[in-house]
Amino acid sequence: MNSMKGCCPITACVTTQLAVARMLSVVSRFFLALIFVLAGIGKLTGYAETQGFMQSMGVPSAVLPLVIVLELTGGILLFIGYRARLVALLLAGFSIIAAVIFHSHFADPMQMIMFLKNVAIAGGLLQIILHGAGPCAMDNCCKKNAEMDCSKPAMSCCDKKAE
């Protein structure tokens, strides 16, 4: 006899899948965002060294502040899922450009690894471009006429109920 009388196994499975999807969308964005935020902080704290390295690779020093802003704000926006597709596009492009400029000396195995790391990050970001930031993201938070339910594709935590 079924000890879970009245419980629909399909509903339980779907509910579990939605809970996992919510969690994984946030965790995966955190992992992708973390590398950009930490890199931006590293460039701020080691500004002169980073500027010298960029110049030695033929990149004008005026680009460094833009890179820092992109890494810090892009990382934060990616994590919270705000304008995630656009941010992911910008960060993916940045990752590929950085790989080509700074890590294309393939005779050095470490540079090959760094190049492939950047390409892999761009691949993860392309998934966000394709699928969006996931159910628990700011992109889904303020959509009009959406119910406040994180299990639905377009949740809304900004809609105010009429009083």
C-alpha atoms as a PDB file:
ATOM      1  CA  MET A   1       0.000   0.000   0.000  1.00  0.00           C
ATOM      2  CA  ASN A   2       1.197   3.485  -0.831  1.00  0.00           C
ATOM      3  CA  SER A   3       2.130   5.310   2.370  1.00  0.00           C
ATOM      4  CA  MET A   4       1.884   8.657   0.550  1.00  0.00           C
ATOM      5  CA  LYS A   5      -1.848   8.415  -0.075  1.00  0.00           C
ATOM      6  CA  GLY A   6      -3.110  11.423  -1.978  1.00  0.00           C
ATOM      7  CA  CYS A   7       0.382  12.595  -2.931  1.00  0.00           C
ATOM      8  CA  CYS A   8       1.057  12.930  -6.622  1.00  0.00           C
ATOM      9  CA  PRO A   9       4.649  11.786  -7.335  1.00  0.00           C
ATOM     10  CA  ILE A  10       4.768  13.887 -10.506  1.00  0.00           C
ATOM     11  CA  THR A  11       3.851  17.047  -8.583  1.00  0.00           C
ATOM     12  CA  ALA A  12       6.478  16.274  -5.935  1.00  0.00           C
ATOM     13  CA  CYS A  13       9.072  15.718  -8.655  1.00  0.00           C
ATOM     14  CA  VAL A  14       8.214  18.960 -10.449  1.00  0.00           C
ATOM     15  CA  THR A  15       8.276  20.887  -7.177  1.00  0.00           C
ATOM     16  CA  THR A  16      11.708  19.454  -6.377  1.00  0.00           C
ATOM     17  CA  GLN A  17      12.982  20.285  -9.866  1.00  0.00           C
ATOM     18  CA  LEU A  18      11.779  23.875  -9.524  1.00  0.00           C
ATOM     19  CA  ALA A  19      13.446  24.241  -6.129  1.00  0.00           C
ATOM     20  CA  VAL A  20      16.704  22.878  -7.550  1.00  0.00           C
ATOM     21  CA  ALA A  21      16.413  25.171 -10.591  1.00  0.00           C
ATOM     22  CA  ARG A  22      15.960  28.204  -8.328  1.00  0.00           C
ATOM     23  CA  MET A  23      18.980  27.262  -6.248  1.00  0.00           C
ATOM     24  CA  LEU A  24      21.212  26.390  -9.200  1.00  0.00           C
ATOM     25  CA  SER A  25      20.368  29.568 -11.107  1.00  0.00           C
ATOM     26  CA  VAL A  26      21.594  31.669  -8.182  1.00  0.00           C
ATOM     27  CA  VAL A  27      24.631  29.491  -7.433  1.00  0.00           C
ATOM     28  CA  SER A  28      25.744  29.354 -11.077  1.00  0.00           C
ATOM     29  CA  ARG A  29      25.423  33.128 -11.466  1.00  0.00           C
ATOM     30  CA  PHE A  30      27.392  33.568  -8.233  1.00  0.00           C
ATOM     31  CA  PHE A  31      30.206  31.330  -9.508  1.00  0.00           C
ATOM     32  CA  LEU A  32      30.401  33.173 -12.833  1.00  0.00           C
ATOM     33  CA  ALA A  33      30.153  36.608 -11.205  1.00  0.00           C
ATOM     34  CA  LEU A  34      32.741  35.888  -8.523  1.00  0.00           C
ATOM     35  CA  ILE A  35      35.689  35.727 -10.916  1.00  0.00           C
ATOM     36  CA  PHE A  36      34.827  39.124 -12.415  1.00  0.00           C
ATOM     37  CA  VAL A  37      34.260  40.860  -9.070  1.00  0.00           C
ATOM     38  CA  LEU A  38      37.487  39.472  -7.595  1.00  0.00           C
ATOM     39  CA  ALA A  39      39.427  40.373 -10.753  1.00  0.00           C
ATOM     40  CA  GLY A  40      38.045  43.927 -10.608  1.00  0.00           C
ATOM     41  CA  ILE A  41      39.033  44.254  -6.945  1.00  0.00           C
ATOM     42  CA  GLY A  42      42.479  42.878  -7.767  1.00  0.00           C
ATOM     43  CA  LYS A  43      42.919  45.448 -10.519  1.00  0.00           C
ATOM     44  CA  LEU A  44      41.887  48.232  -8.124  1.00  0.00           C
ATOM     45  CA  THR A  45      44.280  47.149  -5.399  1.00  0.00           C
ATOM     46  CA  GLY A  46      47.110  46.505  -7.854  1.00  0.00           C
ATOM     47  CA  TYR A  47      46.293  49.347 -10.218  1.00  0.00           C
ATOM     48  CA  ALA A  48      49.851  50.355 -11.151  1.00  0.00           C
ATOM     49  CA  GLU A  49      50.991  46.769 -11.745  1.00  0.00           C
ATOM     50  CA  THR A  50      47.916  45.992 -13.838  1.00  0.00           C
ATOM     51  CA  GLN A  51      48.355  49.191 -15.823  1.00  0.00           C
ATOM     52  CA  GLY A  52      51.996  48.331 -16.539  1.00  0.00           C
ATOM     53  CA  PHE A  53      51.095  44.792 -17.602  1.00  0.00           C
ATOM     54  CA  MET A  54      48.342  46.012 -19.908  1.00  0.00           C
ATOM     55  CA  GLN A  55      50.693  48.554 -21.505  1.00  0.00           C
ATOM     56  CA  SER A  56      53.329  45.852 -22.003  1.00  0.00           C
ATOM     57  CA  MET A  57      50.714  43.903 -23.977  1.00  0.00           C
ATOM     58  CA  GLY A  58      49.904  46.937 -26.135  1.00  0.00           C
ATOM     59  CA  VAL A  59      46.662  47.932 -24.373  1.00  0.00           C
ATOM     60  CA  PRO A  60      46.357  51.671 -23.595  1.00  0.00           C
ATOM     61  CA  SER A  61      46.278  52.499 -19.894  1.00  0.00           C
ATOM     62  CA  ALA A  62      43.046  54.463 -20.395  1.00  0.00           C
ATOM     63  CA  VAL A  63      41.238  51.138 -20.869  1.00  0.00           C
ATOM     64  CA  LEU A  64      41.932  49.944 -17.311  1.00  0.00           C
ATOM     65  CA  PRO A  65      39.213  52.015 -15.566  1.00  0.00           C
ATOM     66  CA  LEU A  66      36.673  50.730 -18.098  1.00  0.00           C
ATOM     67  CA  VAL A  67      37.777  47.153 -17.464  1.00  0.00           C
ATOM     68  CA  ILE A  68      37.440  47.627 -13.702  1.00  0.00           C
ATOM     69  CA  VAL A  69      33.951  49.101 -14.066  1.00  0.00           C
ATOM     70  CA  LEU A  70      32.908  46.271 -16.402  1.00  0.00           C
ATOM     71  CA  GLU A  71      34.240  43.567 -14.104  1.00  0.00           C
ATOM     72  CA  LEU A  72      32.804  45.006 -10.889  1.00  0.00           C
ATOM     73  CA  THR A  73      29.417  46.193 -12.120  1.00  0.00           C
ATOM     74  CA  GLY A  74      29.071  43.355 -14.622  1.00  0.00           C
ATOM     75  CA  GLY A  75      29.825  40.789 -11.937  1.00  0.00           C
ATOM     76  CA  ILE A  76      27.363  42.297  -9.480  1.00  0.00           C
ATOM     77  CA  LEU A  77      24.620  42.695 -12.099  1.00  0.00           C
ATOM     78  CA  LEU A  78      25.175  39.133 -13.305  1.00  0.00           C
ATOM     79  CA  PHE A  79      24.881  37.790  -9.763  1.00  0.00           C
ATOM     80  CA  ILE A  80      21.608  39.579  -9.039  1.00  0.00           C
ATOM     81  CA  GLY A  81      20.364  38.724 -12.518  1.00  0.00           C
ATOM     82  CA  TYR A  82      19.672  42.270 -13.682  1.00  0.00           C
ATOM     83  CA  ARG A  83      19.819  42.689 -17.476  1.00  0.00           C
ATOM     84  CA  ALA A  84      21.565  39.333 -17.337  1.00  0.00           C
ATOM     85  CA  ARG A  85      21.552  38.593 -21.070  1.00  0.00           C
ATOM     86  CA  LEU A  86      23.141  41.934 -21.971  1.00  0.00           C
ATOM     87  CA  VAL A  87      25.644  41.729 -19.113  1.00  0.00           C
ATOM     88  CA  ALA A  88      26.514  38.146 -20.057  1.00  0.00           C
ATOM     89  CA  LEU A  89      27.079  39.233 -23.660  1.00  0.00           C
ATOM     90  CA  LEU A  90      29.421  42.023 -22.576  1.00  0.00           C
ATOM     91  CA  LEU A  91      31.335  39.794 -20.162  1.00  0.00           C
ATOM     92  CA  ALA A  92      31.583  36.952 -22.700  1.00  0.00           C
ATOM     93  CA  GLY A  93      32.976  39.344 -25.308  1.00  0.00           C
ATOM     94  CA  PHE A  94      35.390  40.752 -22.737  1.00  0.00           C
ATOM     95  CA  SER A  95      36.505  37.241 -21.752  1.00  0.00           C
ATOM     96  CA  ILE A  96      37.265  36.270 -25.351  1.00  0.00           C
ATOM     97  CA  ILE A  97      39.071  39.547 -26.090  1.00  0.00           C
ATOM     98  CA  ALA A  98      41.130  39.193 -22.891  1.00  0.00           C
ATOM     99  CA  ALA A  99      41.965  35.584 -23.802  1.00  0.00           C
ATOM    100  CA  VAL A 100      43.211  36.592 -27.251  1.00  0.00           C
ATOM    101  CA  ILE A 101      45.220  39.610 -26.037  1.00  0.00           C
ATOM    102  CA  PHE A 102      46.689  38.269 -22.800  1.00  0.00           C
ATOM    103  CA  HIS A 103      46.701  34.477 -23.023  1.00  0.00           C
ATOM    104  CA  SER A 104      47.420  33.492 -26.628  1.00  0.00           C
ATOM    105  CA  HIS A 105      51.028  32.403 -26.073  1.00  0.00           C
ATOM    106  CA  PHE A 106      50.180  28.721 -26.427  1.00  0.00           C
ATOM    107  CA  ALA A 107      53.781  27.502 -26.069  1.00  0.00           C
ATOM    108  CA  ASP A 108      53.355  28.255 -22.356  1.00  0.00           C
ATOM    109  CA  PRO A 109      51.013  25.598 -20.897  1.00  0.00           C
ATOM    110  CA  MET A 110      49.772  28.010 -18.199  1.00  0.00           C
ATOM    111  CA  GLN A 111      48.762  30.544 -20.843  1.00  0.00           C
ATOM    112  CA  MET A 112      46.892  27.806 -22.707  1.00  0.00           C
ATOM    113  CA  ILE A 113      45.024  26.971 -19.491  1.00  0.00           C
ATOM    114  CA  MET A 114      44.217  30.647 -18.897  1.00  0.00           C
ATOM    115  CA  PHE A 115      43.022  30.985 -22.501  1.00  0.00           C
ATOM    116  CA  LEU A 116      40.757  27.947 -22.140  1.00  0.00           C
ATOM    117  CA  LYS A 117      39.491  29.227 -18.764  1.00  0.00           C
ATOM    118  CA  ASN A 118      38.369  32.443 -20.438  1.00  0.00           C
ATOM    119  CA  VAL A 119      36.734  30.490 -23.259  1.00  0.00           C
ATOM    120  CA  ALA A 120      34.955  28.264 -20.719  1.00  0.00           C
ATOM    121  CA  ILE A 121      33.702  31.315 -18.819  1.00  0.00           C
ATOM    122  CA  ALA A 122      32.410  32.748 -22.102  1.00  0.00           C
ATOM    123  CA  GLY A 123      30.646  29.418 -22.713  1.00  0.00           C
ATOM    124  CA  GLY A 124      28.890  29.638 -19.348  1.00  0.00           C
ATOM    125  CA  LEU A 125      27.883  33.210 -20.107  1.00  0.00           C
ATOM    126  CA  LEU A 126      26.501  32.132 -23.486  1.00  0.00           C
ATOM    127  CA  GLN A 127      24.186  29.785 -21.571  1.00  0.00           C
ATOM    128  CA  ILE A 128      22.808  32.814 -19.715  1.00  0.00           C
ATOM    129  CA  ILE A 129      22.360  34.641 -23.020  1.00  0.00           C
ATOM    130  CA  LEU A 130      20.464  31.627 -24.364  1.00  0.00           C
ATOM    131  CA  HIS A 131      18.373  30.675 -21.323  1.00  0.00           C
ATOM    132  CA  GLY A 132      18.275  33.845 -19.221  1.00  0.00           C
ATOM    133  CA  ALA A 133      19.308  34.269 -15.605  1.00  0.00           C
ATOM    134  CA  GLY A 134      16.877  31.713 -14.204  1.00  0.00           C
ATOM    135  CA  PRO A 135      13.719  31.961 -12.139  1.00  0.00           C
ATOM    136  CA  CYS A 136      15.176  33.886  -9.175  1.00  0.00           C
ATOM    137  CA  ALA A 137      16.692  36.916 -10.848  1.00  0.00           C
ATOM    138  CA  MET A 138      15.991  40.626 -10.943  1.00  0.00           C
ATOM    139  CA  ASP A 139      15.173  40.252 -14.633  1.00  0.00           C
ATOM    140  CA  ASN A 140      12.073  38.339 -13.549  1.00  0.00           C
ATOM    141  CA  CYS A 141      11.438  40.369 -10.435  1.00  0.00           C
ATOM    142  CA  CYS A 142       9.655  43.403 -11.797  1.00  0.00           C
ATOM    143  CA  LYS A 143       7.730  42.043 -14.749  1.00  0.00           C
ATOM    144  CA  LYS A 144       4.201  43.342 -14.793  1.00  0.00           C
ATOM    145  CA  ASN A 145       1.270  40.979 -14.311  1.00  0.00           C
ATOM    146  CA  ALA A 146       3.433  38.176 -12.951  1.00  0.00           C
ATOM    147  CA  GLU A 147       2.634  36.383  -9.756  1.00  0.00           C
ATOM    148  CA  MET A 148       5.076  36.493  -6.863  1.00  0.00           C
ATOM    149  CA  ASP A 149       6.144  32.880  -7.219  1.00  0.00           C
ATOM    150  CA  CYS A 150       9.779  32.032  -7.803  1.00  0.00           C
ATOM    151  CA  SER A 151       8.780  28.697  -9.315  1.00  0.00           C
ATOM    152  CA  LYS A 152       7.257  30.412 -12.335  1.00  0.00           C
ATOM    153  CA  PRO A 153       9.377  31.690 -15.211  1.00  0.00           C
ATOM    154  CA  ALA A 154       8.342  35.299 -14.644  1.00  0.00           C
ATOM    155  CA  MET A 155       8.142  35.890 -10.932  1.00  0.00           C
ATOM    156  CA  SER A 156       7.492  39.307  -9.542  1.00  0.00           C
ATOM    157  CA  CYS A 157       8.721  40.531  -6.213  1.00  0.00           C
ATOM    158  CA  CYS A 158       8.083  44.158  -7.128  1.00  0.00           C
ATOM    159  CA  ASP A 159       4.365  44.132  -7.859  1.00  0.00           C
ATOM    160  CA  LYS A 160       2.503  45.924  -5.117  1.00  0.00           C
ATOM    161  CA  LYS A 161      -0.973  44.827  -4.184  1.00  0.00           C
ATOM    162  CA  ALA A 162      -3.610  47.496  -4.259  1.00  0.00           C
ATOM    163  CA  GLU A 163      -4.658  48.396  -0.758  1.00  0.00           C
END
